[in-house]
Amino acid sequence: MIKTFALAASALLVVAPAAANADTFQHKGVEYNYTTEQKDGEQVLRGTAYSGKVPFELRVRKKTVEGTFNNKPVSFSIADAKKAGLITEAK
């Protein structure tokens, strides 16, 4: 589930606006609800998946995305997301 989330979270990087804003998207039948904000020079995405049952928080850094999904640590590189075609440019 976490690996699938990493791919879905990479898709968030494409659609996430820079200002605090609520948004939703679906990936492989799972709906993700989230907000984004800028904090300490990083983009922070907070939300839930699986009908609000699974929380997540991601911090987009220069080369990596780190955070938690279902209260477990996740980390993946922006380069990996680019290779998979999920994002077109790093922030």
PDB file of N, CA and C in Angstrom:
ATOM      1  N   MET A   1       0.822  -1.187   0.000  1.00  0.00           N
ATOM      2  CA  MET A   1       0.000   0.000   0.000  1.00  0.00           C
ATOM      3  C   MET A   1       0.869   1.254   0.000  1.00  0.00           C
ATOM      4  N   ILE A   2       1.985   1.250   0.728  1.00  0.00           N
ATOM      5  CA  ILE A   2       2.832   2.439   0.787  1.00  0.00           C
ATOM      6  C   ILE A   2       3.477   2.707  -0.568  1.00  0.00           C
ATOM      7  N   LYS A   3       3.921   1.666  -1.275  1.00  0.00           N
ATOM      8  CA  LYS A   3       4.527   1.867  -2.584  1.00  0.00           C
ATOM      9  C   LYS A   3       3.515   2.473  -3.558  1.00  0.00           C
ATOM     10  N   THR A   4       2.286   1.971  -3.527  1.00  0.00           N
ATOM     11  CA  THR A   4       1.225   2.541  -4.356  1.00  0.00           C
ATOM     12  C   THR A   4       0.998   3.990  -3.988  1.00  0.00           C
ATOM     13  N   PHE A   5       1.043   4.286  -2.689  1.00  0.00           N
ATOM     14  CA  PHE A   5       0.861   5.657  -2.258  1.00  0.00           C
ATOM     15  C   PHE A   5       1.966   6.557  -2.794  1.00  0.00           C
ATOM     16  N   ALA A   6       3.197   6.078  -2.815  1.00  0.00           N
ATOM     17  CA  ALA A   6       4.305   6.895  -3.323  1.00  0.00           C
ATOM     18  C   ALA A   6       4.032   7.311  -4.756  1.00  0.00           C
ATOM     19  N   LEU A   7       3.507   6.417  -5.563  1.00  0.00           N
ATOM     20  CA  LEU A   7       3.165   6.780  -6.941  1.00  0.00           C
ATOM     21  C   LEU A   7       2.017   7.779  -6.976  1.00  0.00           C
ATOM     22  N   ALA A   8       1.006   7.548  -6.156  1.00  0.00           N
ATOM     23  CA  ALA A   8      -0.117   8.482  -6.107  1.00  0.00           C
ATOM     24  C   ALA A   8       0.340   9.836  -5.584  1.00  0.00           C
ATOM     25  N   ALA A   9       1.199   9.825  -4.586  1.00  0.00           N
ATOM     26  CA  ALA A   9       1.702  11.075  -4.029  1.00  0.00           C
ATOM     27  C   ALA A   9       2.523  11.833  -5.060  1.00  0.00           C
ATOM     28  N   SER A  10       3.227  11.122  -5.899  1.00  0.00           N
ATOM     29  CA  SER A  10       3.962  11.776  -6.973  1.00  0.00           C
ATOM     30  C   SER A  10       2.999  12.520  -7.887  1.00  0.00           C
ATOM     31  N   ALA A  11       1.848  11.938  -8.115  1.00  0.00           N
ATOM     32  CA  ALA A  11       0.841  12.611  -8.925  1.00  0.00           C
ATOM     33  C   ALA A  11       0.358  13.878  -8.235  1.00  0.00           C
ATOM     34  N   LEU A  12       0.332  13.895  -6.914  1.00  0.00           N
ATOM     35  CA  LEU A  12      -0.039  15.100  -6.184  1.00  0.00           C
ATOM     36  C   LEU A  12       0.884  16.261  -6.535  1.00  0.00           C
ATOM     37  N   LEU A  13       2.136  15.961  -6.754  1.00  0.00           N
ATOM     38  CA  LEU A  13       3.101  17.016  -7.054  1.00  0.00           C
ATOM     39  C   LEU A  13       2.754  17.727  -8.350  1.00  0.00           C
ATOM     40  N   VAL A  14       2.078  17.044  -9.234  1.00  0.00           N
ATOM     41  CA  VAL A  14       1.679  17.641 -10.504  1.00  0.00           C
ATOM     42  C   VAL A  14       0.487  18.556 -10.308  1.00  0.00           C
ATOM     43  N   VAL A  15      -0.488  18.125  -9.509  1.00  0.00           N
ATOM     44  CA  VAL A  15      -1.739  18.855  -9.417  1.00  0.00           C
ATOM     45  C   VAL A  15      -1.829  19.787  -8.217  1.00  0.00           C
ATOM     46  N   ALA A  16      -0.903  19.708  -7.280  1.00  0.00           N
ATOM     47  CA  ALA A  16      -1.005  20.493  -6.050  1.00  0.00           C
ATOM     48  C   ALA A  16      -0.690  21.960  -6.295  1.00  0.00           C
ATOM     49  N   PRO A  17      -1.617  22.844  -5.971  1.00  0.00           N
ATOM     50  CA  PRO A  17      -1.351  24.273  -6.100  1.00  0.00           C
ATOM     51  C   PRO A  17      -0.427  24.764  -4.990  1.00  0.00           C
ATOM     52  N   ALA A  18       0.171  25.922  -5.174  1.00  0.00           N
ATOM     53  CA  ALA A  18       1.132  26.443  -4.206  1.00  0.00           C
ATOM     54  C   ALA A  18       0.464  27.040  -2.978  1.00  0.00           C
ATOM     55  N   ALA A  19      -0.695  27.627  -3.109  1.00  0.00           N
ATOM     56  CA  ALA A  19      -1.372  28.253  -1.978  1.00  0.00           C
ATOM     57  C   ALA A  19      -2.224  27.227  -1.244  1.00  0.00           C
ATOM     58  N   ALA A  20      -2.544  27.524   0.022  1.00  0.00           N
ATOM     59  CA  ALA A  20      -3.398  26.608   0.794  1.00  0.00           C
ATOM     60  C   ALA A  20      -4.723  26.457   0.072  1.00  0.00           C
ATOM     61  N   ASN A  21      -5.072  25.235  -0.219  1.00  0.00           N
ATOM     62  CA  ASN A  21      -6.263  24.973  -1.005  1.00  0.00           C
ATOM     63  C   ASN A  21      -6.648  23.511  -0.818  1.00  0.00           C
ATOM     64  N   ALA A  22      -7.939  23.227  -0.733  1.00  0.00           N
ATOM     65  CA  ALA A  22      -8.398  21.841  -0.615  1.00  0.00           C
ATOM     66  C   ALA A  22      -8.610  21.282  -2.019  1.00  0.00           C
ATOM     67  N   ASP A  23      -8.221  20.030  -2.212  1.00  0.00           N
ATOM     68  CA  ASP A  23      -8.364  19.403  -3.516  1.00  0.00           C
ATOM     69  C   ASP A  23      -8.531  17.901  -3.346  1.00  0.00           C
ATOM     70  N   THR A  24      -8.934  17.248  -4.420  1.00  0.00           N
ATOM     71  CA  THR A  24      -9.178  15.809  -4.433  1.00  0.00           C
ATOM     72  C   THR A  24      -8.720  15.247  -5.763  1.00  0.00           C
ATOM     73  N   PHE A  25      -8.196  14.018  -5.750  1.00  0.00           N
ATOM     74  CA  PHE A  25      -7.946  13.299  -6.988  1.00  0.00           C
ATOM     75  C   PHE A  25      -8.055  11.813  -6.714  1.00  0.00           C
ATOM     76  N   GLN A  26      -8.203  11.025  -7.784  1.00  0.00           N
ATOM     77  CA  GLN A  26      -8.293   9.575  -7.650  1.00  0.00           C
ATOM     78  C   GLN A  26      -7.127   8.913  -8.363  1.00  0.00           C
ATOM     79  N   HIS A  27      -6.632   7.837  -7.755  1.00  0.00           N
ATOM     80  CA  HIS A  27      -5.556   7.043  -8.344  1.00  0.00           C
ATOM     81  C   HIS A  27      -5.846   5.583  -8.039  1.00  0.00           C
ATOM     82  N   LYS A  28      -5.990   4.776  -9.071  1.00  0.00           N
ATOM     83  CA  LYS A  28      -6.289   3.350  -8.927  1.00  0.00           C
ATOM     84  C   LYS A  28      -7.476   3.095  -8.003  1.00  0.00           C
ATOM     85  N   GLY A  29      -8.518   3.874  -8.186  1.00  0.00           N
ATOM     86  CA  GLY A  29      -9.752   3.679  -7.438  1.00  0.00           C
ATOM     87  C   GLY A  29      -9.770   4.228  -6.024  1.00  0.00           C
ATOM     88  N   VAL A  30      -8.683   4.860  -5.597  1.00  0.00           N
ATOM     89  CA  VAL A  30      -8.612   5.427  -4.249  1.00  0.00           C
ATOM     90  C   VAL A  30      -8.716   6.944  -4.362  1.00  0.00           C
ATOM     91  N   GLU A  31      -9.600   7.532  -3.556  1.00  0.00           N
ATOM     92  CA  GLU A  31      -9.743   8.984  -3.554  1.00  0.00           C
ATOM     93  C   GLU A  31      -8.834   9.595  -2.486  1.00  0.00           C
ATOM     94  N   TYR A  32      -8.093  10.608  -2.880  1.00  0.00           N
ATOM     95  CA  TYR A  32      -7.187  11.325  -1.989  1.00  0.00           C
ATOM     96  C   TYR A  32      -7.711  12.746  -1.833  1.00  0.00           C
ATOM     97  N   ASN A  33      -7.937  13.180  -0.599  1.00  0.00           N
ATOM     98  CA  ASN A  33      -8.337  14.547  -0.280  1.00  0.00           C
ATOM     99  C   ASN A  33      -7.162  15.195   0.433  1.00  0.00           C
ATOM    100  N   TYR A  34      -6.817  16.409   0.047  1.00  0.00           N
ATOM    101  CA  TYR A  34      -5.635  17.027   0.635  1.00  0.00           C
ATOM    102  C   TYR A  34      -5.689  18.542   0.541  1.00  0.00           C
ATOM    103  N   THR A  35      -4.851  19.171   1.333  1.00  0.00           N
ATOM    104  CA  THR A  35      -4.617  20.603   1.251  1.00  0.00           C
ATOM    105  C   THR A  35      -3.124  20.808   1.054  1.00  0.00           C
ATOM    106  N   THR A  36      -2.768  21.945   0.496  1.00  0.00           N
ATOM    107  CA  THR A  36      -1.362  22.284   0.333  1.00  0.00           C
ATOM    108  C   THR A  36      -1.110  23.653   0.947  1.00  0.00           C
ATOM    109  N   GLU A  37       0.112  23.829   1.411  1.00  0.00           N
ATOM    110  CA  GLU A  37       0.531  25.133   1.924  1.00  0.00           C
ATOM    111  C   GLU A  37       2.047  25.234   1.846  1.00  0.00           C
ATOM    112  N   GLN A  38       2.532  26.446   1.884  1.00  0.00           N
ATOM    113  CA  GLN A  38       3.963  26.689   1.954  1.00  0.00           C
ATOM    114  C   GLN A  38       4.327  26.907   3.412  1.00  0.00           C
ATOM    115  N   LYS A  39       5.330  26.167   3.897  1.00  0.00           N
ATOM    116  CA  LYS A  39       5.759  26.315   5.285  1.00  0.00           C
ATOM    117  C   LYS A  39       7.273  26.148   5.335  1.00  0.00           C
ATOM    118  N   ASP A  40       7.950  27.142   5.862  1.00  0.00           N
ATOM    119  CA  ASP A  40       9.409  27.109   5.977  1.00  0.00           C
ATOM    120  C   ASP A  40      10.075  26.834   4.635  1.00  0.00           C
ATOM    121  N   GLY A  41       9.536  27.392   3.565  1.00  0.00           N
ATOM    122  CA  GLY A  41      10.129  27.243   2.234  1.00  0.00           C
ATOM    123  C   GLY A  41       9.862  25.913   1.563  1.00  0.00           C
ATOM    124  N   GLU A  42       9.004  25.087   2.144  1.00  0.00           N
ATOM    125  CA  GLU A  42       8.670  23.793   1.561  1.00  0.00           C
ATOM    126  C   GLU A  42       7.176  23.736   1.280  1.00  0.00           C
ATOM    127  N   GLN A  43       6.822  22.957   0.297  1.00  0.00           N
ATOM    128  CA  GLN A  43       5.409  22.706   0.038  1.00  0.00           C
ATOM    129  C   GLN A  43       4.986  21.539   0.929  1.00  0.00           C
ATOM    130  N   VAL A  44       3.907  21.716   1.673  1.00  0.00           N
ATOM    131  CA  VAL A  44       3.413  20.687   2.587  1.00  0.00           C
ATOM    132  C   VAL A  44       2.029  20.255   2.113  1.00  0.00           C
ATOM    133  N   LEU A  45       1.870  18.956   1.927  1.00  0.00           N
ATOM    134  CA  LEU A  45       0.588  18.391   1.528  1.00  0.00           C
ATOM    135  C   LEU A  45       0.074  17.539   2.674  1.00  0.00           C
ATOM    136  N   ARG A  46      -1.149  17.819   3.125  1.00  0.00           N
ATOM    137  CA  ARG A  46      -1.770  17.048   4.199  1.00  0.00           C
ATOM    138  C   ARG A  46      -3.120  16.555   3.727  1.00  0.00           C
ATOM    139  N   GLY A  47      -3.436  15.321   4.049  1.00  0.00           N
ATOM    140  CA  GLY A  47      -4.725  14.816   3.630  1.00  0.00           C
ATOM    141  C   GLY A  47      -5.012  13.425   4.126  1.00  0.00           C
ATOM    142  N   THR A  48      -6.016  12.815   3.474  1.00  0.00           N
ATOM    143  CA  THR A  48      -6.427  11.462   3.824  1.00  0.00           C
ATOM    144  C   THR A  48      -6.725  10.672   2.554  1.00  0.00           C
ATOM    145  N   ALA A  49      -6.687   9.363   2.697  1.00  0.00           N
ATOM    146  CA  ALA A  49      -7.038   8.433   1.627  1.00  0.00           C
ATOM    147  C   ALA A  49      -7.986   7.387   2.211  1.00  0.00           C
ATOM    148  N   TYR A  50      -8.519   6.559   1.339  1.00  0.00           N
ATOM    149  CA  TYR A  50      -9.404   5.474   1.778  1.00  0.00           C
ATOM    150  C   TYR A  50     -10.539   6.006   2.653  1.00  0.00           C
ATOM    151  N   SER A  51     -11.321   6.923   2.073  1.00  0.00           N
ATOM    152  CA  SER A  51     -12.516   7.485   2.734  1.00  0.00           C
ATOM    153  C   SER A  51     -12.193   8.147   4.070  1.00  0.00           C
ATOM    154  N   GLY A  52     -11.056   8.820   4.135  1.00  0.00           N
ATOM    155  CA  GLY A  52     -10.672   9.558   5.330  1.00  0.00           C
ATOM    156  C   GLY A  52     -10.057   8.719   6.428  1.00  0.00           C
ATOM    157  N   LYS A  53      -9.827   7.442   6.169  1.00  0.00           N
ATOM    158  CA  LYS A  53      -9.311   6.547   7.207  1.00  0.00           C
ATOM    159  C   LYS A  53      -7.793   6.550   7.321  1.00  0.00           C
ATOM    160  N   VAL A  54      -7.096   6.955   6.264  1.00  0.00           N
ATOM    161  CA  VAL A  54      -5.633   6.876   6.247  1.00  0.00           C
ATOM    162  C   VAL A  54      -5.051   8.281   6.052  1.00  0.00           C
ATOM    163  N   PRO A  55      -4.432   8.846   7.105  1.00  0.00           N
ATOM    164  CA  PRO A  55      -3.852  10.184   6.993  1.00  0.00           C
ATOM    165  C   PRO A  55      -2.483  10.162   6.312  1.00  0.00           C
ATOM    166  N   PHE A  56      -2.160  11.284   5.676  1.00  0.00           N
ATOM    167  CA  PHE A  56      -0.812  11.440   5.152  1.00  0.00           C
ATOM    168  C   PHE A  56      -0.383  12.893   5.244  1.00  0.00           C
ATOM    169  N   GLU A  57       0.937  13.087   5.310  1.00  0.00           N
ATOM    170  CA  GLU A  57       1.546  14.421   5.266  1.00  0.00           C
ATOM    171  C   GLU A  57       2.863  14.295   4.520  1.00  0.00           C
ATOM    172  N   LEU A  58       3.049  15.145   3.534  1.00  0.00           N
ATOM    173  CA  LEU A  58       4.265  15.126   2.723  1.00  0.00           C
ATOM    174  C   LEU A  58       4.909  16.498   2.705  1.00  0.00           C
ATOM    175  N   ARG A  59       6.233  16.507   2.733  1.00  0.00           N
ATOM    176  CA  ARG A  59       7.009  17.745   2.578  1.00  0.00           C
ATOM    177  C   ARG A  59       7.839  17.613   1.312  1.00  0.00           C
ATOM    178  N   VAL A  60       7.596  18.513   0.384  1.00  0.00           N
ATOM    179  CA  VAL A  60       8.312  18.497  -0.893  1.00  0.00           C
ATOM    180  C   VAL A  60       9.564  19.333  -0.722  1.00  0.00           C
ATOM    181  N   ARG A  61      10.694  18.669  -0.873  1.00  0.00           N
ATOM    182  CA  ARG A  61      11.987  19.342  -0.747  1.00  0.00           C
ATOM    183  C   ARG A  61      12.605  19.476  -2.133  1.00  0.00           C
ATOM    184  N   LYS A  62      13.827  19.956  -2.203  1.00  0.00           N
ATOM    185  CA  LYS A  62      14.463  20.183  -3.507  1.00  0.00           C
ATOM    186  C   LYS A  62      14.600  18.910  -4.331  1.00  0.00           C
ATOM    187  N   LYS A  63      14.997  17.811  -3.705  1.00  0.00           N
ATOM    188  CA  LYS A  63      15.231  16.572  -4.453  1.00  0.00           C
ATOM    189  C   LYS A  63      14.404  15.392  -3.957  1.00  0.00           C
ATOM    190  N   THR A  64      13.748  15.551  -2.814  1.00  0.00           N
ATOM    191  CA  THR A  64      13.002  14.430  -2.242  1.00  0.00           C
ATOM    192  C   THR A  64      11.624  14.867  -1.751  1.00  0.00           C
ATOM    193  N   VAL A  65      10.802  13.872  -1.553  1.00  0.00           N
ATOM    194  CA  VAL A  65       9.519  14.058  -0.888  1.00  0.00           C
ATOM    195  C   VAL A  65       9.548  13.120   0.314  1.00  0.00           C
ATOM    196  N   GLU A  66       9.316  13.669   1.499  1.00  0.00           N
ATOM    197  CA  GLU A  66       9.361  12.869   2.716  1.00  0.00           C
ATOM    198  C   GLU A  66       8.134  13.172   3.552  1.00  0.00           C
ATOM    199  N   GLY A  67       7.709  12.179   4.307  1.00  0.00           N
ATOM    200  CA  GLY A  67       6.570  12.389   5.179  1.00  0.00           C
ATOM    201  C   GLY A  67       6.051  11.093   5.732  1.00  0.00           C
ATOM    202  N   THR A  68       4.742  11.057   5.967  1.00  0.00           N
ATOM    203  CA  THR A  68       4.116   9.863   6.512  1.00  0.00           C
ATOM    204  C   THR A  68       2.861   9.518   5.719  1.00  0.00           C
ATOM    205  N   PHE A  69       2.560   8.234   5.674  1.00  0.00           N
ATOM    206  CA  PHE A  69       1.321   7.718   5.108  1.00  0.00           C
ATOM    207  C   PHE A  69       0.850   6.639   6.066  1.00  0.00           C
ATOM    208  N   ASN A  70      -0.356   6.812   6.592  1.00  0.00           N
ATOM    209  CA  ASN A  70      -0.884   5.898   7.599  1.00  0.00           C
ATOM    210  C   ASN A  70       0.075   5.815   8.795  1.00  0.00           C
ATOM    211  N   ASN A  71       0.645   6.959   9.146  1.00  0.00           N
ATOM    212  CA  ASN A  71       1.567   7.110  10.270  1.00  0.00           C
ATOM    213  C   ASN A  71       2.852   6.299  10.124  1.00  0.00           C
ATOM    214  N   LYS A  72       3.198   5.938   8.894  1.00  0.00           N
ATOM    215  CA  LYS A  72       4.458   5.246   8.609  1.00  0.00           C
ATOM    216  C   LYS A  72       5.292   6.150   7.698  1.00  0.00           C
ATOM    217  N   PRO A  73       6.599   6.176   7.903  1.00  0.00           N
ATOM    218  CA  PRO A  73       7.437   7.053   7.081  1.00  0.00           C
ATOM    219  C   PRO A  73       7.472   6.632   5.615  1.00  0.00           C
ATOM    220  N   VAL A  74       7.427   7.623   4.735  1.00  0.00           N
ATOM    221  CA  VAL A  74       7.598   7.403   3.301  1.00  0.00           C
ATOM    222  C   VAL A  74       8.612   8.410   2.788  1.00  0.00           C
ATOM    223  N   SER A  75       9.331   8.013   1.774  1.00  0.00           N
ATOM    224  CA  SER A  75      10.319   8.898   1.168  1.00  0.00           C
ATOM    225  C   SER A  75      10.566   8.427  -0.253  1.00  0.00           C
ATOM    226  N   PHE A  76      10.590   9.360  -1.180  1.00  0.00           N
ATOM    227  CA  PHE A  76      10.928   9.029  -2.547  1.00  0.00           C
ATOM    228  C   PHE A  76      11.523  10.267  -3.196  1.00  0.00           C
ATOM    229  N   SER A  77      12.300  10.046  -4.221  1.00  0.00           N
ATOM    230  CA  SER A  77      12.968  11.176  -4.865  1.00  0.00           C
ATOM    231  C   SER A  77      12.065  11.786  -5.928  1.00  0.00           C
ATOM    232  N   ILE A  78      12.240  13.059  -6.121  1.00  0.00           N
ATOM    233  CA  ILE A  78      11.525  13.733  -7.200  1.00  0.00           C
ATOM    234  C   ILE A  78      12.026  13.190  -8.533  1.00  0.00           C
ATOM    235  N   ALA A  79      13.296  12.818  -8.594  1.00  0.00           N
ATOM    236  CA  ALA A  79      13.849  12.237  -9.827  1.00  0.00           C
ATOM    237  C   ALA A  79      13.134  10.941 -10.194  1.00  0.00           C
ATOM    238  N   ASP A  80      12.852  10.090  -9.201  1.00  0.00           N
ATOM    239  CA  ASP A  80      12.121   8.845  -9.471  1.00  0.00           C
ATOM    240  C   ASP A  80      10.723   9.136 -10.000  1.00  0.00           C
ATOM    241  N   ALA A  81      10.078  10.129  -9.429  1.00  0.00           N
ATOM    242  CA  ALA A  81       8.745  10.501  -9.907  1.00  0.00           C
ATOM    243  C   ALA A  81       8.816  11.036 -11.344  1.00  0.00           C
ATOM    244  N   LYS A  82       9.877  11.773 -11.641  1.00  0.00           N
ATOM    245  CA  LYS A  82      10.045  12.278 -13.013  1.00  0.00           C
ATOM    246  C   LYS A  82      10.278  11.130 -13.985  1.00  0.00           C
ATOM    247  N   LYS A  83      11.109  10.156 -13.595  1.00  0.00           N
ATOM    248  CA  LYS A  83      11.378   9.001 -14.453  1.00  0.00           C
ATOM    249  C   LYS A  83      10.108   8.225 -14.756  1.00  0.00           C
ATOM    250  N   ALA A  84       9.219   8.153 -13.781  1.00  0.00           N
ATOM    251  CA  ALA A  84       7.956   7.439 -13.964  1.00  0.00           C
ATOM    252  C   ALA A  84       6.957   8.255 -14.777  1.00  0.00           C
ATOM    253  N   GLY A  85       7.339   9.502 -15.112  1.00  0.00           N
ATOM    254  CA  GLY A  85       6.458  10.358 -15.903  1.00  0.00           C
ATOM    255  C   GLY A  85       5.342  11.000 -15.101  1.00  0.00           C
ATOM    256  N   LEU A  86       5.482  11.002 -13.772  1.00  0.00           N
ATOM    257  CA  LEU A  86       4.424  11.540 -12.936  1.00  0.00           C
ATOM    258  C   LEU A  86       4.565  13.037 -12.702  1.00  0.00           C
ATOM    259  N   ILE A  87       5.761  13.557 -12.801  1.00  0.00           N
ATOM    260  CA  ILE A  87       5.958  15.001 -12.696  1.00  0.00           C
ATOM    261  C   ILE A  87       6.876  15.442 -13.813  1.00  0.00           C
ATOM    262  N   THR A  88       6.768  16.709 -14.165  1.00  0.00           N
ATOM    263  CA  THR A  88       7.568  17.199 -15.279  1.00  0.00           C
ATOM    264  C   THR A  88       8.723  18.078 -14.851  1.00  0.00           C
ATOM    265  N   GLU A  89       8.632  18.665 -13.670  1.00  0.00           N
ATOM    266  CA  GLU A  89       9.758  19.465 -13.190  1.00  0.00           C
ATOM    267  C   GLU A  89       9.753  19.525 -11.682  1.00  0.00           C
ATOM    268  N   ALA A  90      10.931  19.571 -11.078  1.00  0.00           N
ATOM    269  CA  ALA A  90      11.061  19.670  -9.626  1.00  0.00           C
ATOM    270  C   ALA A  90      10.854  21.108  -9.194  1.00  0.00           C
ATOM    271  N   LYS A  91      10.369  21.274  -7.973  1.00  0.00           N
ATOM    272  CA  LYS A  91      10.146  22.625  -7.443  1.00  0.00           C
ATOM    273  C   LYS A  91      11.378  23.117  -6.754  1.00  0.00           C
TER     274      LYS A  91
END
